Amino acid sequence: MAPRGHDRIGPHGAVSSTHHLGTAAAATVLARGGNAFDAAVACGFVLQVVEPHLCGPGGELPAVFVTAADPVPKVLCAQGVAPAAATAAHLRGLGCEIVPGTGLLPATVPGAWDGWLTLLRDHGTWELADVLEPALGYAAGGFPLVPRVPAAIGTVADHFREHWPTSARTWLPDGRVPEPGELVRLPALAATWRRLLGEAVGPSREARIDAARDAWYRGFVAEEIGRFAQTPVRDETGRDHTGLLTADDLAGWSSHYEDALVADAGSGWSVAKCGPWSQGPVLLQQLRLLAGLDLELPGGVATVETVHAAAEAAKLAFADREAWYGPGADAGLLTDLLADDYTAARRGLLGPESDGGLRPGSPGGREPRIGRYAATPGAARGTGVQGPGTGEPTVSRDGVARGDTVHVDVVDAAGNMISVTPSGGWLQSSPTIPGLGFCLGTRGQMFWLEDGLASSLAPGAMPRTTLSPSLALRDGEPALAFGTPGGDQQDQWQLCFLLALVHGGLDLQAAIDAPAWHSTAFPASFAPRGWEPHGLVVESRLGADTLAGLTRRGHAVSDAGAWALGRMCAVGTGVAVPGGGGPGTLHAAVDPRSGVGAAIAL
């Protein structure tokens, strides 16, 4: 089945996000004279309200962007760190083999507030009160629940009633699971935001924003988080545990900027990603491994050979992720992972049949190390459906959507462009803090409790996150911002999109609509962190002959259905799109698979 969509095109700006209310808020900001950063921040706050099962105020965000004044891609890292008291020995002493996926133990410092405000202060033009206004209006006045929110609440309703009463009071009106479309209000969150705005006092816009940052990280929000973390709550171990996060952990942290990691993707394209504290380099490694191969996507539909090559490349790249990615990875390691000689040697491992092993490489002669738990296949993957609130609510092995996180891309006529993948603070994964109206994140579940690994738990360390926004350049010119929710699938679905765009000759919407696939043959990032040798999930629109051909090559193929994989968003300039109108046109596209995302060009 051929792709079916067309881009939205306009001269002034373009927005794509995973929820139509977020997209509308961003488009309104652009229409009122705000820039891409003002619009992205407004959208991000709205998504914290209207997609609470996918992100929240207690979560985190990475962003990759360029500005009108500087076309060199930069990254903002707003991923919080582990508490000072968080040690592997402590959690092992509690009987944990892996970090629990729910409760208070996996909480890291909430990074989203500082991240959004830092972007607004440094690159936006609006006041905080103005960009927060749409989200505050929805929190105080009410917003309609998209179908997946009641579904998520229903999954954990009994757990809320029995163990997390503060969440029950927030999400179970009159003790019942709300209906799809029902209007829900979040008065405690609205009160928190109003108090933060009340403390945003200063002689300049920048000073007012900094005052609001201080009120969160060195004021009443940090104090309330520290108090609540001392409350024993039930987590997925089946026992009650207090958290480790303190007000001092928040006071000593802030988001930071760094250079984006950029690699050649062929055909005049290069791609900019976050560093190895994310899984971003995985996309670059896959693109490098596939460079020079004869990839065929007639009409955007990949052939057996193309899907097979991509799946095998993914296995190699994700094996390297397991062995090498982490907050302590140095620049030399990344240089070696993307080097021509290393890539060529790894490309030589792409055989004609599916390989079921976990095969990390030795960049620069380094000896890879895989932990004992990760090295053992067969355990269930972290799909968000094993138990109450477990893991990230992403997709099951058969492709059934369970939610995941959110995404927003914005470009304006001046040349500002940003891609952001906010996440964490899921309503179903940690109990609501009653004095604040939101819950903490559980990103710490991505640490390993075995010492000496690239992503071992340590005080003050960043977890190696799956969040992976993208920005692409064509002939050195910023051309495209894109990304998707989906945990471990993010950089595989983005690869499907790029292959359809670059090799299939499609516009943004048609490339998003093209049939997708992903491998599950590597350790999952979310509890319980299993993996499936030869596992390959595909959309049936690849065709029965292709699915049969992949099975003959040794893949354990799961047909997810026709439209099941991905929640891609993308914006770009005319130079990014074949026949796209050239300079002066701005494009937006969004994945139809979720049914709630929206793209607008104006």
Protein backbone atom coordinates (compact mmCIF):
# COMPACT_ATOMS: atom_id res chain seq x y z
CA MET A 1 0.00 0.00 0.00
CA ALA A 2 1.53 3.31 -1.05
CA PRO A 3 1.91 6.25 1.34
CA ARG A 4 -1.08 8.54 1.22
CA GLY A 5 -0.35 11.96 2.78
CA HIS A 6 0.70 15.44 1.77
CA ASP A 7 2.56 18.15 3.69
CA ARG A 8 0.97 21.23 5.21
CA ILE A 9 2.83 24.19 3.65
CA GLY A 10 3.03 27.87 4.62
CA PRO A 11 5.45 30.83 4.55
CA HIS A 12 5.49 31.95 8.21
CA GLY A 13 5.98 28.90 10.40
CA ALA A 14 5.29 25.20 10.85
CA VAL A 15 4.47 23.06 13.90
CA SER A 16 4.01 19.36 14.48
CA SER A 17 3.28 17.70 17.82
CA THR A 18 1.71 14.58 19.25
CA HIS A 19 -1.47 16.35 20.44
CA HIS A 20 -3.65 18.77 18.50
CA LEU A 21 -4.07 21.12 21.46
CA GLY A 22 -0.32 21.46 21.81
CA THR A 23 0.05 22.14 18.10
CA ALA A 24 -2.73 24.74 18.25
CA ALA A 25 -1.05 26.53 21.16
CA ALA A 26 2.26 26.67 19.30
CA ALA A 27 0.64 27.87 16.08
CA THR A 28 -1.17 30.63 17.99
CA VAL A 29 2.15 31.81 19.44
CA LEU A 30 3.68 31.97 15.97
CA ALA A 31 0.64 33.82 14.63
CA ARG A 32 0.98 36.40 17.42
CA GLY A 33 4.64 37.11 16.60
CA GLY A 34 6.44 34.64 18.85
CA ASN A 35 9.38 32.69 17.51
CA ALA A 36 9.92 28.93 17.28
CA PHE A 37 11.26 28.72 20.83
CA ASP A 38 8.31 30.61 22.32
CA ALA A 39 6.00 28.28 20.39
CA ALA A 40 7.80 25.09 21.42
CA VAL A 41 7.73 26.05 25.11
CA ALA A 42 4.01 26.86 24.99
CA CYS A 43 3.35 23.53 23.29
CA GLY A 44 5.51 21.66 25.79
CA PHE A 45 3.56 22.93 28.77
CA VAL A 46 0.23 22.09 27.11
CA LEU A 47 1.43 18.53 26.48
CA GLN A 48 2.19 18.16 30.20
CA VAL A 49 -1.53 18.70 30.84
CA VAL A 50 -3.31 17.02 27.93
CA GLU A 51 -1.05 13.95 27.61
CA PRO A 52 -0.39 13.24 31.32
CA HIS A 53 0.13 9.53 30.71
CA LEU A 54 3.02 10.41 28.38
CA CYS A 55 4.77 13.36 30.05
CA GLY A 56 4.39 15.65 33.03
CA PRO A 57 5.97 18.52 34.96
CA GLY A 58 8.14 16.02 36.86
CA GLY A 59 9.76 14.70 33.69
CA GLU A 60 12.69 15.70 31.51
CA LEU A 61 13.56 16.76 27.98
CA PRO A 62 16.32 16.83 25.39
CA ALA A 63 16.28 19.32 22.52
CA VAL A 64 18.33 19.83 19.38
CA PHE A 65 18.05 23.17 17.61
CA VAL A 66 19.50 25.91 15.45
CA THR A 67 18.85 29.63 15.71
CA ALA A 68 18.39 32.28 13.06
CA ALA A 69 21.76 33.71 14.07
CA ASP A 70 23.65 30.40 14.27
CA PRO A 71 22.98 27.48 11.90
CA VAL A 72 25.30 25.14 13.83
CA PRO A 73 23.13 22.55 15.68
CA LYS A 74 23.17 22.70 19.47
CA VAL A 75 21.69 20.47 22.16
CA LEU A 76 19.97 21.35 25.40
CA CYS A 77 20.21 18.54 27.96
CA ALA A 78 17.48 18.79 30.58
CA GLN A 79 17.81 15.20 31.78
CA GLY A 80 17.98 15.16 35.57
CA VAL A 81 20.51 13.13 37.51
CA ALA A 82 20.33 10.41 40.15
CA PRO A 83 20.07 11.56 43.77
CA ALA A 84 23.22 11.80 45.88
CA ALA A 85 21.97 8.85 47.97
CA ALA A 86 21.32 6.62 44.95
CA THR A 87 23.88 3.82 44.88
CA ALA A 88 23.72 0.39 43.34
CA ALA A 89 24.66 -1.14 46.67
CA HIS A 90 21.70 0.53 48.37
CA LEU A 91 19.18 -0.78 45.86
CA ARG A 92 20.75 -4.24 45.84
CA GLY A 93 20.43 -4.17 49.62
CA LEU A 94 16.69 -3.66 49.16
CA GLY A 95 16.57 -6.88 47.15
CA CYS A 96 16.45 -5.25 43.71
CA GLU A 97 18.13 -6.94 40.75
CA ILE A 98 17.19 -4.02 38.49
CA VAL A 99 15.96 -0.53 39.33
CA PRO A 100 12.17 -0.65 39.80
CA GLY A 101 10.15 0.96 37.03
CA THR A 102 7.57 2.55 39.35
CA GLY A 103 7.33 4.37 42.65
CA LEU A 104 9.90 6.72 44.17
CA LEU A 105 13.17 4.77 43.99
CA PRO A 106 13.74 5.43 40.25
CA ALA A 107 13.14 9.19 40.52
CA THR A 108 15.79 11.51 39.10
CA VAL A 109 15.88 15.30 39.40
CA PRO A 110 12.94 16.69 37.37
CA GLY A 111 14.50 18.52 34.43
CA ALA A 112 11.60 19.77 32.33
CA TRP A 113 10.90 23.07 34.14
CA ASP A 114 14.51 24.20 33.98
CA GLY A 115 14.89 22.98 30.39
CA TRP A 116 11.86 24.81 29.05
CA LEU A 117 12.67 28.00 30.96
CA THR A 118 16.30 27.94 29.85
CA LEU A 119 15.24 27.72 26.20
CA LEU A 120 12.72 30.52 26.72
CA ARG A 121 15.20 32.78 28.50
CA ASP A 122 18.06 32.33 26.06
CA HIS A 123 16.28 31.99 22.70
CA GLY A 124 12.65 33.02 23.13
CA THR A 125 11.09 36.46 23.24
CA TRP A 126 7.92 36.03 25.34
CA GLU A 127 7.31 36.28 29.07
CA LEU A 128 6.86 33.06 31.02
CA ALA A 129 3.29 33.96 31.96
CA ASP A 130 2.38 34.30 28.29
CA VAL A 131 3.78 30.94 27.13
CA LEU A 132 2.33 29.19 30.19
CA GLU A 133 -1.14 30.71 29.71
CA PRO A 134 -2.61 27.99 27.41
CA ALA A 135 -1.48 25.13 29.65
CA LEU A 136 -2.62 26.91 32.80
CA GLY A 137 -5.99 27.50 31.18
CA TYR A 138 -6.42 23.78 30.43
CA ALA A 139 -5.27 22.74 33.92
CA ALA A 140 -7.62 25.16 35.69
CA GLY A 141 -10.56 25.18 33.29
CA GLY A 142 -10.45 21.58 32.11
CA PHE A 143 -9.38 19.56 29.09
CA PRO A 144 -10.97 16.57 27.33
CA LEU A 145 -9.30 13.21 27.79
CA VAL A 146 -8.12 11.46 24.65
CA PRO A 147 -9.04 7.74 24.73
CA ARG A 148 -5.64 6.50 25.83
CA VAL A 149 -5.69 8.51 29.07
CA PRO A 150 -8.72 6.68 30.56
CA ALA A 151 -7.22 3.43 29.28
CA ALA A 152 -3.99 4.14 31.18
CA ILE A 153 -5.90 5.17 34.30
CA GLY A 154 -8.07 2.07 34.09
CA THR A 155 -4.99 -0.15 34.05
CA VAL A 156 -3.77 1.24 37.37
CA ALA A 157 -7.07 2.21 39.02
CA ASP A 158 -7.01 -0.58 41.61
CA HIS A 159 -3.37 0.16 42.37
CA PHE A 160 -4.27 3.82 42.89
CA ARG A 161 -7.16 2.96 45.22
CA GLU A 162 -5.12 0.54 47.33
CA HIS A 163 -1.63 2.03 47.34
CA TRP A 164 -1.50 5.53 45.79
CA PRO A 165 -4.48 7.44 47.27
CA THR A 166 -3.14 10.82 46.14
CA SER A 167 -3.24 9.61 42.54
CA ALA A 168 -6.73 8.20 43.07
CA ARG A 169 -7.95 11.62 44.25
CA THR A 170 -6.42 13.25 41.17
CA TRP A 171 -7.43 10.79 38.43
CA LEU A 172 -10.48 8.87 39.70
CA PRO A 173 -13.35 11.38 40.00
CA ASP A 174 -15.92 10.02 42.43
CA GLY A 175 -13.76 6.89 42.59
CA ARG A 176 -14.38 5.88 38.99
CA VAL A 177 -12.26 5.75 35.83
CA PRO A 178 -13.11 8.81 33.70
CA GLU A 179 -14.60 8.40 30.25
CA PRO A 180 -12.90 9.30 26.94
CA GLY A 181 -13.75 12.90 26.11
CA GLU A 182 -14.60 13.73 29.72
CA LEU A 183 -13.45 17.15 30.90
CA VAL A 184 -10.86 16.89 33.68
CA ARG A 185 -9.32 19.67 35.75
CA LEU A 186 -5.98 19.72 37.60
CA PRO A 187 -6.45 22.45 40.22
CA ALA A 188 -3.39 21.53 42.31
CA LEU A 189 -1.08 21.79 39.28
CA ALA A 190 -2.72 25.08 38.29
CA ALA A 191 -2.09 26.41 41.80
CA THR A 192 1.57 25.36 41.60
CA TRP A 193 2.04 27.18 38.30
CA ARG A 194 0.29 30.30 39.62
CA ARG A 195 2.56 30.35 42.66
CA LEU A 196 5.63 29.97 40.44
CA LEU A 197 4.45 32.88 38.31
CA GLY A 198 3.89 34.88 41.46
CA GLU A 199 7.54 34.41 42.37
CA ALA A 200 8.76 35.28 38.85
CA VAL A 201 9.78 38.81 39.85
CA GLY A 202 12.72 40.76 38.49
CA PRO A 203 13.87 43.83 36.52
CA SER A 204 14.03 42.03 33.16
CA ARG A 205 12.39 39.17 31.27
CA GLU A 206 15.47 37.03 31.83
CA ALA A 207 15.57 37.82 35.56
CA ARG A 208 11.88 36.95 35.94
CA ILE A 209 12.42 33.61 34.24
CA ASP A 210 15.42 32.87 36.47
CA ALA A 211 13.36 33.72 39.54
CA ALA A 212 10.79 31.13 38.46
CA ARG A 213 13.58 28.58 38.00
CA ASP A 214 14.81 29.30 41.51
CA ALA A 215 11.32 28.94 42.96
CA TRP A 216 11.24 25.40 41.60
CA TYR A 217 14.77 24.13 42.28
CA ARG A 218 15.66 26.13 45.37
CA GLY A 219 12.23 27.00 46.68
CA PHE A 220 8.84 25.58 47.56
CA VAL A 221 8.69 22.93 44.80
CA ALA A 222 12.01 21.34 45.82
CA GLU A 223 11.01 21.41 49.46
CA GLU A 224 7.68 19.70 48.77
CA ILE A 225 9.35 17.06 46.58
CA GLY A 226 11.89 16.33 49.31
CA ARG A 227 9.15 15.91 51.92
CA PHE A 228 7.00 13.65 49.76
CA ALA A 229 9.96 11.45 48.80
CA GLN A 230 10.16 10.35 52.43
CA THR A 231 6.71 8.76 52.16
CA PRO A 232 6.85 4.96 51.76
CA VAL A 233 4.95 3.99 48.61
CA ARG A 234 4.35 0.69 46.85
CA ASP A 235 6.44 0.02 43.75
CA GLU A 236 6.76 -2.88 41.34
CA THR A 237 8.83 -4.91 43.82
CA GLY A 238 5.57 -5.44 45.71
CA ARG A 239 6.97 -3.59 48.73
CA ASP A 240 6.79 -0.04 50.06
CA HIS A 241 9.91 2.10 49.71
CA THR A 242 10.75 5.72 50.39
CA GLY A 243 12.50 7.69 47.69
CA LEU A 244 16.05 9.01 47.62
CA LEU A 245 15.49 12.45 46.07
CA THR A 246 16.05 15.49 48.33
CA ALA A 247 15.67 19.25 48.01
CA ASP A 248 19.48 19.50 47.95
CA ASP A 249 19.57 17.26 44.85
CA LEU A 250 17.36 19.76 43.04
CA ALA A 251 19.22 22.82 44.31
CA GLY A 252 22.53 21.64 42.88
CA TRP A 253 21.30 20.84 39.36
CA SER A 254 20.56 22.76 36.17
CA SER A 255 20.21 21.95 32.49
CA HIS A 256 23.12 22.62 30.13
CA TYR A 257 24.01 23.16 26.49
CA GLU A 258 26.40 21.09 24.43
CA ASP A 259 27.41 20.70 20.81
CA ALA A 260 25.23 18.37 18.78
CA LEU A 261 26.74 15.17 17.42
CA VAL A 262 26.59 15.43 13.62
CA ALA A 263 27.29 12.67 11.08
CA ASP A 264 27.05 12.31 7.33
CA ALA A 265 23.91 10.44 6.25
CA GLY A 266 24.66 10.35 2.50
CA SER A 267 23.05 12.01 -0.52
CA GLY A 268 23.97 15.46 0.79
CA TRP A 269 22.27 14.90 4.15
CA SER A 270 23.73 15.04 7.64
CA VAL A 271 21.90 14.41 10.92
CA ALA A 272 22.39 16.12 14.30
CA LYS A 273 21.66 14.23 17.52
CA CYS A 274 22.14 14.38 21.27
CA GLY A 275 25.16 12.64 22.76
CA PRO A 276 25.55 9.19 24.35
CA TRP A 277 23.60 10.13 27.48
CA SER A 278 20.73 9.60 25.03
CA GLN A 279 20.37 6.88 22.41
CA GLY A 280 20.80 9.52 19.70
CA PRO A 281 24.08 8.18 18.27
CA VAL A 282 22.22 4.94 17.42
CA LEU A 283 20.53 6.66 14.47
CA LEU A 284 23.87 7.95 13.23
CA GLN A 285 25.45 4.51 13.52
CA GLN A 286 22.58 2.92 11.58
CA LEU A 287 22.83 5.53 8.83
CA ARG A 288 26.58 5.04 8.61
CA LEU A 289 26.24 1.25 8.44
CA LEU A 290 23.67 1.48 5.64
CA ALA A 291 25.60 4.08 3.61
CA GLY A 292 26.67 2.68 0.25
CA LEU A 293 24.21 -0.22 0.33
CA ASP A 294 21.64 -0.57 -2.42
CA LEU A 295 18.53 0.43 -0.49
CA GLU A 296 15.24 0.16 -2.35
CA LEU A 297 11.96 1.74 -1.26
CA PRO A 298 9.79 1.91 -4.38
CA GLY A 299 6.97 4.33 -3.61
CA GLY A 300 8.27 4.47 -0.03
CA VAL A 301 7.65 0.77 0.65
CA ALA A 302 10.86 -0.99 1.66
CA THR A 303 11.86 -4.27 0.04
CA VAL A 304 12.87 -7.44 1.87
CA GLU A 305 16.53 -6.60 1.36
CA THR A 306 16.15 -3.07 2.74
CA VAL A 307 14.20 -4.09 5.86
CA HIS A 308 16.64 -6.93 6.52
CA ALA A 309 19.69 -4.67 6.19
CA ALA A 310 18.12 -2.04 8.42
CA ALA A 311 17.19 -4.60 11.09
CA GLU A 312 20.68 -6.09 11.14
CA ALA A 313 22.23 -2.60 11.31
CA ALA A 314 19.94 -1.77 14.23
CA LYS A 315 21.11 -4.85 16.14
CA LEU A 316 24.75 -3.83 15.78
CA ALA A 317 24.10 -0.21 16.72
CA PHE A 318 21.96 -1.09 19.76
CA ALA A 319 24.53 -3.65 20.91
CA ASP A 320 27.02 -0.78 20.91
CA ARG A 321 24.50 1.31 22.82
CA GLU A 322 24.40 -1.34 25.52
CA ALA A 323 28.17 -1.62 25.77
CA TRP A 324 29.25 1.97 25.30
CA TYR A 325 26.53 4.61 25.74
CA GLY A 326 26.32 6.43 29.03
CA PRO A 327 26.89 9.81 30.62
CA GLY A 328 30.61 9.18 31.01
CA ALA A 329 31.34 8.39 27.34
CA ASP A 330 34.14 10.61 26.06
CA ALA A 331 34.44 12.39 22.73
CA GLY A 332 37.12 9.98 21.59
CA LEU A 333 34.77 7.03 21.98
CA LEU A 334 32.12 8.71 19.83
CA THR A 335 34.70 9.53 17.19
CA ASP A 336 35.76 5.89 17.11
CA LEU A 337 32.16 4.60 16.98
CA LEU A 338 31.45 6.72 13.90
CA ALA A 339 34.85 6.31 12.24
CA ASP A 340 35.05 4.99 8.67
CA ASP A 341 37.23 2.00 9.54
CA TYR A 342 35.08 0.93 12.49
CA THR A 343 31.89 1.36 10.47
CA ALA A 344 33.30 -0.63 7.57
CA ALA A 345 34.30 -3.48 9.87
CA ARG A 346 30.86 -3.53 11.43
CA ARG A 347 29.18 -3.35 8.03
CA GLY A 348 31.01 -6.55 7.16
CA LEU A 349 28.92 -8.30 9.84
CA LEU A 350 25.68 -7.63 7.95
CA GLY A 351 24.98 -11.11 6.67
CA PRO A 352 22.22 -12.56 4.48
CA GLU A 353 20.35 -14.03 7.46
CA SER A 354 19.17 -12.71 10.82
CA ASP A 355 21.80 -12.90 13.55
CA GLY A 356 20.43 -13.66 17.00
CA GLY A 357 23.43 -12.60 19.04
CA LEU A 358 24.28 -9.42 20.92
CA ARG A 359 27.46 -8.26 19.18
CA PRO A 360 28.97 -5.04 20.50
CA GLY A 361 32.12 -3.84 18.78
CA SER A 362 35.54 -2.67 20.01
CA PRO A 363 35.86 0.98 18.93
CA GLY A 364 39.47 2.09 19.13
CA GLY A 365 40.42 -1.33 20.43
CA ARG A 366 38.39 -0.96 23.62
CA GLU A 367 37.02 -4.16 25.11
CA PRO A 368 33.19 -4.10 25.34
CA ARG A 369 31.41 -5.09 28.50
CA ILE A 370 27.80 -6.23 28.69
CA GLY A 371 26.23 -6.79 32.10
CA ARG A 372 25.06 -10.23 33.15
CA TYR A 373 21.39 -9.28 33.20
CA ALA A 374 21.50 -7.59 29.79
CA ALA A 375 23.43 -10.43 28.19
CA THR A 376 20.67 -12.94 28.90
CA PRO A 377 17.81 -12.90 26.35
CA GLY A 378 14.32 -14.21 26.91
CA ALA A 379 12.83 -12.00 29.62
CA ALA A 380 9.82 -9.93 28.72
CA ARG A 381 10.52 -6.51 27.23
CA GLY A 382 9.46 -3.35 29.06
CA THR A 383 6.24 -2.55 27.23
CA GLY A 384 4.34 -0.84 30.00
CA VAL A 385 1.80 -3.66 30.24
CA GLN A 386 3.41 -6.10 32.69
CA GLY A 387 1.91 -4.62 35.83
CA PRO A 388 0.51 -1.45 37.37
CA GLY A 389 2.47 1.43 35.92
CA THR A 390 5.51 -0.66 35.03
CA GLY A 391 8.10 0.79 32.69
CA GLU A 392 7.41 3.30 29.97
CA PRO A 393 3.93 3.07 28.44
CA THR A 394 5.17 2.38 24.95
CA VAL A 395 4.17 -0.38 22.53
CA SER A 396 3.88 -4.10 23.08
CA ARG A 397 5.79 -6.62 20.99
CA ASP A 398 2.85 -7.02 18.64
CA GLY A 399 2.72 -3.28 18.04
CA VAL A 400 -0.35 -2.45 20.13
CA ALA A 401 0.03 1.19 21.14
CA ARG A 402 0.19 1.86 24.87
CA GLY A 403 1.31 5.49 24.64
CA ASP A 404 4.96 6.37 25.24
CA THR A 405 6.01 10.01 25.41
CA VAL A 406 5.46 13.17 23.39
CA HIS A 407 7.24 15.19 20.73
CA VAL A 408 7.19 18.68 19.22
CA ASP A 409 8.94 20.26 16.22
CA VAL A 410 8.76 23.94 15.26
CA VAL A 411 10.37 26.09 12.55
CA ASP A 412 9.79 29.79 11.90
CA ALA A 413 10.41 32.04 8.92
CA ALA A 414 13.49 33.60 10.52
CA GLY A 415 15.28 30.24 10.54
CA ASN A 416 14.87 29.14 14.16
CA MET A 417 14.21 25.40 14.27
CA ILE A 418 13.84 23.05 17.23
CA SER A 419 13.07 19.39 17.89
CA VAL A 420 12.15 18.31 21.44
CA THR A 421 11.13 14.97 22.97
CA PRO A 422 9.77 15.65 26.48
CA SER A 423 8.93 12.66 28.65
CA GLY A 424 8.68 11.28 32.17
CA GLY A 425 6.45 12.10 35.10
CA TRP A 426 3.81 9.66 33.80
CA LEU A 427 0.65 9.64 35.89
CA GLN A 428 0.69 5.83 36.09
CA SER A 429 4.30 5.38 37.17
CA SER A 430 4.65 7.35 40.41
CA PRO A 431 2.14 8.72 42.93
CA THR A 432 0.87 12.29 42.64
CA ILE A 433 2.48 14.76 45.05
CA PRO A 434 -0.68 16.32 46.53
CA GLY A 435 0.85 19.70 47.35
CA LEU A 436 2.08 20.14 43.77
CA GLY A 437 -0.37 18.28 41.56
CA PHE A 438 2.15 16.18 39.61
CA CYS A 439 4.28 13.08 40.07
CA LEU A 440 8.00 12.41 39.80
CA GLY A 441 9.67 10.68 36.87
CA THR A 442 11.05 7.14 36.88
CA ARG A 443 13.93 7.55 34.41
CA GLY A 444 16.33 5.97 36.92
CA GLN A 445 15.07 2.55 35.83
CA MET A 446 17.51 2.85 32.90
CA PHE A 447 20.51 2.47 35.20
CA TRP A 448 22.04 -0.94 35.79
CA LEU A 449 22.76 -2.13 39.35
CA GLU A 450 25.84 -4.02 38.20
CA ASP A 451 28.96 -1.91 38.76
CA GLY A 452 31.44 -0.96 36.06
CA LEU A 453 29.04 -0.67 33.11
CA ALA A 454 28.60 2.33 30.84
CA SER A 455 25.25 3.13 32.49
CA SER A 456 25.68 1.86 36.05
CA LEU A 457 23.81 3.66 38.80
CA ALA A 458 25.94 6.23 40.63
CA PRO A 459 25.15 9.33 42.69
CA GLY A 460 24.73 12.38 40.47
CA ALA A 461 24.90 10.38 37.23
CA MET A 462 22.54 10.81 34.27
CA PRO A 463 20.64 7.74 33.11
CA ARG A 464 21.18 6.76 29.49
CA THR A 465 17.81 7.81 28.17
CA THR A 466 15.91 6.71 25.06
CA LEU A 467 14.74 10.26 24.27
CA SER A 468 16.09 11.21 20.87
CA PRO A 469 15.03 14.37 18.96
CA SER A 470 16.63 14.98 15.56
CA LEU A 471 17.63 17.77 13.23
CA ALA A 472 18.86 17.22 9.68
CA LEU A 473 20.86 19.42 7.34
CA ARG A 474 20.87 19.25 3.54
CA ASP A 475 24.07 20.42 1.88
CA GLY A 476 25.02 21.97 5.22
CA GLU A 477 21.80 24.01 5.57
CA PRO A 478 19.35 23.30 8.45
CA ALA A 479 16.41 21.69 6.71
CA LEU A 480 14.41 19.35 8.93
CA ALA A 481 13.38 18.78 12.57
CA PHE A 482 11.78 15.45 13.40
CA GLY A 483 11.25 12.80 16.04
CA THR A 484 8.84 10.34 17.60
CA PRO A 485 7.86 8.87 20.94
CA GLY A 486 8.47 5.15 21.33
CA GLY A 487 11.25 4.26 23.77
CA ASP A 488 13.75 1.95 22.10
CA GLN A 489 11.87 2.26 18.83
CA GLN A 490 12.47 6.02 18.43
CA ASP A 491 15.66 5.82 16.37
CA GLN A 492 14.37 2.88 14.36
CA TRP A 493 11.11 4.58 13.32
CA GLN A 494 13.11 7.71 12.54
CA LEU A 495 15.33 5.59 10.31
CA CYS A 496 12.24 4.30 8.45
CA PHE A 497 11.16 7.91 7.92
CA LEU A 498 14.57 9.04 6.67
CA LEU A 499 14.94 6.11 4.29
CA ALA A 500 11.53 6.86 2.78
CA LEU A 501 12.38 10.55 2.48
CA VAL A 502 15.92 10.24 1.10
CA HIS A 503 15.75 6.97 -0.85
CA GLY A 504 12.02 6.88 -1.59
CA GLY A 505 11.86 10.49 -2.79
CA LEU A 506 8.77 11.30 -0.69
CA ASP A 507 7.65 14.48 1.03
CA LEU A 508 7.47 14.63 4.83
CA GLN A 509 3.91 13.35 5.22
CA ALA A 510 4.29 10.51 2.75
CA ALA A 511 7.58 9.48 4.39
CA ILE A 512 5.84 9.39 7.79
CA ASP A 513 2.99 7.36 6.29
CA ALA A 514 5.36 4.80 4.74
CA PRO A 515 5.28 1.30 6.34
CA ALA A 516 7.55 0.98 9.37
CA TRP A 517 9.32 -1.74 11.32
CA HIS A 518 11.63 -2.22 14.31
CA SER A 519 13.88 -4.85 15.86
CA THR A 520 13.47 -6.16 19.41
CA ALA A 521 16.72 -8.15 19.34
CA PHE A 522 18.62 -6.13 21.97
CA PRO A 523 18.15 -5.34 25.68
CA ALA A 524 15.15 -3.09 26.38
CA SER A 525 15.66 0.15 28.26
CA PHE A 526 12.59 -0.24 30.50
CA ALA A 527 11.83 -2.73 33.22
CA PRO A 528 11.90 -5.71 33.03
CA ARG A 529 14.53 -5.07 30.32
CA GLY A 530 14.46 -8.31 28.32
CA TRP A 531 15.18 -8.95 24.64
CA GLU A 532 14.22 -11.33 21.87
CA PRO A 533 16.84 -12.78 19.50
CA HIS A 534 15.69 -12.35 15.89
CA GLY A 535 12.63 -10.33 17.03
CA LEU A 536 11.29 -8.08 14.26
CA VAL A 537 8.00 -6.16 14.41
CA VAL A 538 6.60 -4.95 11.07
CA GLU A 539 3.58 -3.28 9.56
CA SER A 540 1.58 -5.50 7.24
CA ARG A 541 1.62 -2.83 4.51
CA LEU A 542 5.15 -3.98 3.70
CA GLY A 543 3.37 -6.80 1.90
CA ALA A 544 2.83 -10.52 2.48
CA ASP A 545 5.73 -11.46 0.21
CA THR A 546 8.10 -9.19 2.17
CA LEU A 547 6.99 -10.61 5.51
CA ALA A 548 7.47 -14.14 4.18
CA GLY A 549 10.90 -13.23 2.83
CA LEU A 550 11.97 -11.82 6.20
CA THR A 551 10.82 -15.01 7.91
CA ARG A 552 12.89 -17.08 5.47
CA ARG A 553 15.91 -14.98 6.41
CA GLY A 554 15.50 -16.05 10.04
CA HIS A 555 13.64 -13.11 11.55
CA ALA A 556 10.95 -13.85 14.13
CA VAL A 557 8.41 -11.63 12.41
CA SER A 558 5.46 -10.13 14.28
CA ASP A 559 2.81 -8.47 12.13
CA ALA A 560 1.67 -5.40 14.07
CA GLY A 561 -1.08 -4.52 11.62
CA ALA A 562 -1.35 -2.00 8.84
CA TRP A 563 -0.94 1.28 10.79
CA ALA A 564 0.62 0.51 14.17
CA LEU A 565 4.24 1.65 14.47
CA GLY A 566 5.31 5.19 15.16
CA ARG A 567 4.05 8.63 16.16
CA MET A 568 6.40 10.66 13.97
CA CYS A 569 6.37 14.46 13.81
CA ALA A 570 8.34 16.57 11.33
CA VAL A 571 8.76 20.13 10.13
CA GLY A 572 11.14 21.43 7.50
CA THR A 573 12.03 23.97 4.89
CA GLY A 574 11.31 23.66 1.19
CA VAL A 575 14.87 22.50 0.53
CA ALA A 576 14.20 19.43 2.70
CA VAL A 577 11.41 18.12 0.53
CA PRO A 578 11.60 16.77 -3.02
CA GLY A 579 9.63 19.22 -5.13
CA GLY A 580 8.82 21.14 -1.97
CA GLY A 581 8.84 24.65 -3.35
CA GLY A 582 12.37 25.55 -2.37
CA PRO A 583 13.39 28.48 -0.14
CA GLY A 584 10.57 30.38 1.52
CA THR A 585 8.23 27.48 2.11
CA LEU A 586 7.85 25.73 5.46
CA HIS A 587 6.40 22.23 5.78
CA ALA A 588 4.74 20.28 8.58
CA ALA A 589 3.59 16.66 8.83
CA VAL A 590 2.39 14.33 11.58
CA ASP A 591 1.78 10.63 12.04
CA PRO A 592 -1.87 9.59 11.54
CA ARG A 593 -1.35 6.39 13.56
CA SER A 594 -2.12 7.93 16.96
CA GLY A 595 -5.21 9.83 15.84
CA VAL A 596 -4.51 12.81 18.15
CA GLY A 597 -1.39 14.48 16.73
CA ALA A 598 -1.60 17.52 14.48
CA ALA A 599 0.57 19.52 12.09
CA ILE A 600 -0.01 23.13 11.05
CA ALA A 601 1.77 25.44 8.62
CA LEU A 602 0.85 29.10 8.55
